[in-house]
């Protein structure tokens, strides 16, 4: 009887030893399987989520940058209204990244309306009136600004509330209608700012823009 118990104990010891010897391998397989499953999930997520997340982040950054600027309006002509009334102008919203909102607004006026705005009828002839090189000073020997904007001056003379725009490039006007529309666009774009009550527009030679009589009445 004692011999049977001894054999039974030996068999149990052998089974325990065998199970013990296989346990590390079993645990390794379990850990390895879990790691592979985790890697698969992470890989799947990285293939789907970050693309939209990244786009959302960029959009949010762009929106934040836009909101942190200075809201301005740019006044364009619009077909057919402005063709029937040369003084009729229509505002579109823009955001200036600089405190020099007057200069930036005129730069955007020269740049013209966006494609969608053009399709809606907005236009300006200012960007086609200017031609040739700039005669204004610039940081580099070539190029130069399209215009200069001076506040509180009527031409060369001091005058509070008056802004003088002087073109730095030649102006080639197709007619008095285009001159009148461009004048209306510049006036409305600058007069949105409370500090500017009157606007004088000069050619690169210092004469009044659109003054066919040649008397420089805008400087009187």
Protein backbone atom coordinates (compact mmCIF):
# COMPACT_ATOMS: atom_id res chain seq x y z
CA UNK A 1 0.00 0.00 0.00
CA UNK A 2 2.88 2.23 0.85
CA UNK A 3 4.46 1.41 -2.48
CA UNK A 4 1.33 2.47 -4.35
CA UNK A 5 1.27 5.78 -2.51
CA UNK A 6 4.90 6.35 -3.36
CA UNK A 7 4.27 5.70 -7.06
CA UNK A 8 1.21 7.99 -6.96
CA UNK A 9 3.24 10.78 -5.38
CA UNK A 10 5.99 10.35 -7.96
CA UNK A 11 3.46 10.56 -10.78
CA UNK A 12 1.97 13.75 -9.30
CA UNK A 13 5.45 15.22 -8.93
CA UNK A 14 6.22 14.41 -12.55
CA UNK A 15 2.97 16.02 -13.73
CA UNK A 16 3.68 19.13 -11.67
CA UNK A 17 7.20 19.29 -13.06
CA UNK A 18 5.93 18.96 -16.62
CA UNK A 19 3.28 21.63 -16.05
CA UNK A 20 5.84 23.87 -14.41
CA UNK A 21 8.27 23.43 -17.27
CA UNK A 22 5.56 24.46 -19.80
CA UNK A 23 4.22 27.41 -17.80
CA UNK A 24 6.93 29.94 -18.85
CA UNK A 25 6.38 29.08 -22.52
CA UNK A 26 2.61 29.41 -22.08
CA UNK A 27 2.96 32.77 -20.35
CA UNK A 28 5.31 33.96 -23.09
CA UNK A 29 2.75 33.04 -25.75
CA UNK A 30 0.00 34.86 -23.87
CA UNK A 31 2.08 38.01 -23.46
CA UNK A 32 3.23 37.86 -27.08
CA UNK A 33 -0.37 37.49 -28.32
CA UNK A 34 -1.54 40.44 -26.24
CA UNK A 35 1.32 42.60 -27.54
CA UNK A 36 0.52 41.68 -31.15
CA UNK A 37 -3.15 42.48 -30.63
CA UNK A 38 -2.27 45.84 -29.07
CA UNK A 39 0.10 46.66 -31.92
CA UNK A 40 -2.60 45.79 -34.45
CA UNK A 41 -5.13 48.06 -32.76
CA UNK A 42 -2.67 50.95 -32.54
CA UNK A 43 -1.73 50.49 -36.19
CA UNK A 44 -5.36 50.49 -37.26
CA UNK A 45 -6.09 53.60 -35.26
CA UNK A 46 -3.05 55.41 -36.61
CA UNK A 47 -4.21 54.67 -40.14
CA UNK A 48 -7.65 56.18 -39.62
CA UNK A 49 -7.80 58.72 -36.80
CA UNK A 50 -4.75 60.95 -37.15
CA UNK A 51 -5.62 62.03 -40.71
CA UNK A 52 -8.90 63.61 -39.64
CA UNK A 53 -7.44 64.74 -36.34
CA UNK A 54 -4.55 66.44 -38.08
CA UNK A 55 -6.90 68.17 -40.51
CA UNK A 56 -9.06 69.35 -37.62
CA UNK A 57 -6.00 70.66 -35.84
CA UNK A 58 -4.86 72.57 -38.92
CA UNK A 59 -8.33 74.00 -39.42
CA UNK A 60 -8.49 75.04 -35.79
CA UNK A 61 -5.05 76.65 -35.99
CA UNK A 62 -6.07 78.50 -39.14
CA UNK A 63 -9.28 79.72 -37.54
CA UNK A 64 -7.44 80.86 -34.44
CA UNK A 65 -4.90 82.74 -36.53
CA UNK A 66 -7.67 84.38 -38.53
CA UNK A 67 -9.63 85.44 -35.46
CA UNK A 68 -6.51 86.92 -33.89
CA UNK A 69 -6.12 89.40 -36.79
CA UNK A 70 -7.94 92.65 -37.51
CA UNK A 71 -11.29 92.37 -39.33
CA UNK A 72 -11.53 94.76 -42.28
CA UNK A 73 -13.73 95.26 -45.31
CA UNK A 74 -12.66 95.65 -48.91
CA UNK A 75 -15.09 97.42 -51.21
CA UNK A 76 -15.37 96.16 -54.78
CA UNK A 77 -17.56 97.08 -57.71
CA UNK A 78 -20.22 94.57 -58.68
CA UNK A 79 -21.83 93.64 -61.95
CA UNK A 80 -24.36 94.92 -62.98
CA UNK A 81 -24.97 97.47 -60.21
CA UNK A 82 -21.66 99.34 -60.51
CA UNK A 83 -21.92 99.49 -64.29
CA UNK A 84 -25.17 101.40 -63.91
CA UNK A 85 -23.90 103.51 -61.00
CA UNK A 86 -20.13 104.03 -60.93
CA UNK A 87 -20.22 104.98 -57.24
CA UNK A 88 -21.93 101.74 -56.13
CA UNK A 89 -19.52 99.56 -54.15
CA UNK A 90 -20.01 96.39 -52.12
CA UNK A 91 -18.06 95.15 -49.11
CA UNK A 92 -16.44 91.76 -48.58
CA UNK A 93 -14.87 90.65 -45.32
CA UNK A 94 -11.16 90.18 -44.89
CA UNK A 95 -8.75 89.87 -41.94
CA UNK A 96 -5.56 91.90 -41.72
CA UNK A 97 -2.60 90.25 -39.96
CA UNK A 98 -1.08 93.67 -39.35
CA UNK A 99 -2.19 96.81 -37.53
CA UNK A 100 -1.57 98.75 -40.76
CA UNK A 101 -5.13 97.99 -41.80
CA UNK A 102 -5.44 100.82 -44.33
CA UNK A 103 -2.44 99.75 -46.37
CA UNK A 104 -3.37 96.08 -46.14
CA UNK A 105 -6.96 96.75 -47.25
CA UNK A 106 -5.76 98.63 -50.34
CA UNK A 107 -3.34 95.82 -51.14
CA UNK A 108 -6.25 93.39 -51.05
CA UNK A 109 -8.29 95.73 -53.24
CA UNK A 110 -5.51 95.62 -55.84
CA UNK A 111 -5.31 91.83 -55.48
CA UNK A 112 -8.97 91.69 -56.43
CA UNK A 113 -11.89 89.49 -55.38
CA UNK A 114 -11.61 85.75 -54.83
CA UNK A 115 -12.76 83.32 -57.50
CA UNK A 116 -16.08 82.72 -55.76
CA UNK A 117 -16.57 86.48 -55.39
CA UNK A 118 -15.82 86.99 -59.07
CA UNK A 119 -18.45 84.41 -59.91
CA UNK A 120 -20.87 86.43 -57.76
CA UNK A 121 -20.15 89.54 -59.85
CA UNK A 122 -17.53 91.36 -57.76
CA UNK A 123 -14.71 93.05 -59.68
CA UNK A 124 -12.20 95.89 -59.66
CA UNK A 125 -10.33 97.56 -62.49
CA UNK A 126 -7.60 98.84 -60.19
CA UNK A 127 -5.42 95.76 -60.65
CA UNK A 128 -5.43 96.26 -64.43
CA UNK A 129 -4.91 100.03 -64.32
CA UNK A 130 -1.45 99.79 -62.78
CA UNK A 131 1.48 98.98 -65.05
CA UNK A 132 5.24 99.35 -65.26
CA UNK A 133 7.83 99.42 -62.50
CA UNK A 134 7.37 101.11 -59.14
CA UNK A 135 9.09 104.45 -58.62
CA UNK A 136 8.79 104.23 -54.84
CA UNK A 137 11.68 103.21 -52.63
CA UNK A 138 11.89 99.58 -51.62
CA UNK A 139 14.20 97.46 -49.47
CA UNK A 140 15.54 95.83 -52.63
CA UNK A 141 16.87 97.42 -55.83
CA UNK A 142 14.04 95.86 -57.85
CA UNK A 143 10.31 95.89 -57.27
CA UNK A 144 8.62 98.28 -54.91
CA UNK A 145 5.13 98.99 -53.60
CA UNK A 146 2.13 99.79 -55.78
CA UNK A 147 1.27 102.85 -53.70
CA UNK A 148 2.02 104.84 -50.58
CA UNK A 149 -0.58 105.78 -47.98
CA UNK A 150 -0.02 108.86 -45.86
CA UNK A 151 -2.39 109.81 -43.05
CA UNK A 152 -3.34 113.32 -42.01
CA UNK A 153 -2.04 114.84 -45.22
CA UNK A 154 -3.71 116.33 -48.28
CA UNK A 155 -0.98 115.78 -50.82
CA UNK A 156 2.13 117.43 -49.36
CA UNK A 157 0.17 119.57 -46.89
CA UNK A 158 -0.89 118.54 -43.37
CA UNK A 159 -4.64 118.03 -42.95
CA UNK A 160 -6.12 116.08 -40.07
CA UNK A 161 -8.49 113.33 -41.14
CA UNK A 162 -7.32 113.23 -44.76
CA UNK A 163 -5.47 110.25 -46.23
CA UNK A 164 -3.40 110.56 -49.40
CA UNK A 165 -2.92 107.58 -51.67
CA UNK A 166 -0.16 108.02 -54.23
CA UNK A 167 0.36 105.39 -56.88
CA UNK A 168 3.93 104.26 -57.47
CA UNK A 169 3.24 102.82 -60.90
CA UNK A 170 1.77 104.20 -64.10
CA UNK A 171 -2.02 104.23 -64.40
CA UNK A 172 -3.62 103.43 -67.75
CA UNK A 173 -7.32 104.08 -67.51
CA UNK A 174 -9.80 102.81 -70.11
CA UNK A 175 -12.17 105.69 -69.37
CA UNK A 176 -13.95 107.90 -66.87
CA UNK A 177 -16.26 105.08 -65.79
CA UNK A 178 -13.36 102.93 -64.63
CA UNK A 179 -11.73 105.93 -62.93
CA UNK A 180 -14.96 106.69 -61.06
CA UNK A 181 -15.39 103.07 -59.93
CA UNK A 182 -11.78 102.80 -58.72
CA UNK A 183 -12.11 106.10 -56.88
CA UNK A 184 -15.30 104.90 -55.18
CA UNK A 185 -13.65 101.60 -54.17
CA UNK A 186 -10.61 103.31 -52.63
CA UNK A 187 -12.72 105.93 -50.84
CA UNK A 188 -15.09 103.37 -49.29
CA UNK A 189 -12.27 101.01 -48.33
CA UNK A 190 -10.33 103.73 -46.49
CA UNK A 191 -13.27 105.61 -44.99
CA UNK A 192 -14.35 102.54 -43.04
CA UNK A 193 -11.67 103.57 -40.56
CA UNK A 194 -12.89 106.35 -38.23
CA UNK A 195 -9.65 108.30 -38.46
CA UNK A 196 -10.05 108.83 -42.23
CA UNK A 197 -12.68 111.37 -43.27
CA UNK A 198 -11.40 112.35 -46.71
CA UNK A 199 -9.24 110.66 -49.34
CA UNK A 200 -6.95 112.15 -51.98
CA UNK A 201 -5.74 109.89 -54.80
CA UNK A 202 -2.66 110.90 -56.76
CA UNK A 203 -0.88 109.45 -59.76
CA UNK A 204 2.82 108.59 -59.62
CA UNK A 205 3.52 112.11 -60.93
CA UNK A 206 1.61 113.71 -58.06
CA UNK A 207 -1.47 114.73 -60.05
CA UNK A 208 -5.06 114.00 -59.10
CA UNK A 209 -6.18 110.59 -60.30
CA UNK A 210 -9.04 110.73 -62.81
CA UNK A 211 -8.76 114.53 -63.19
CA UNK A 212 -9.25 114.90 -66.91
CA UNK A 213 -9.24 118.69 -66.68
CA UNK A 214 -5.72 118.71 -65.34
CA UNK A 215 -6.41 121.29 -62.65
CA UNK A 216 -5.55 119.02 -59.68
CA UNK A 217 -8.79 119.96 -58.01
CA UNK A 218 -8.38 117.24 -55.37
CA UNK A 219 -5.50 119.24 -53.90
CA UNK A 220 -7.38 122.54 -53.72
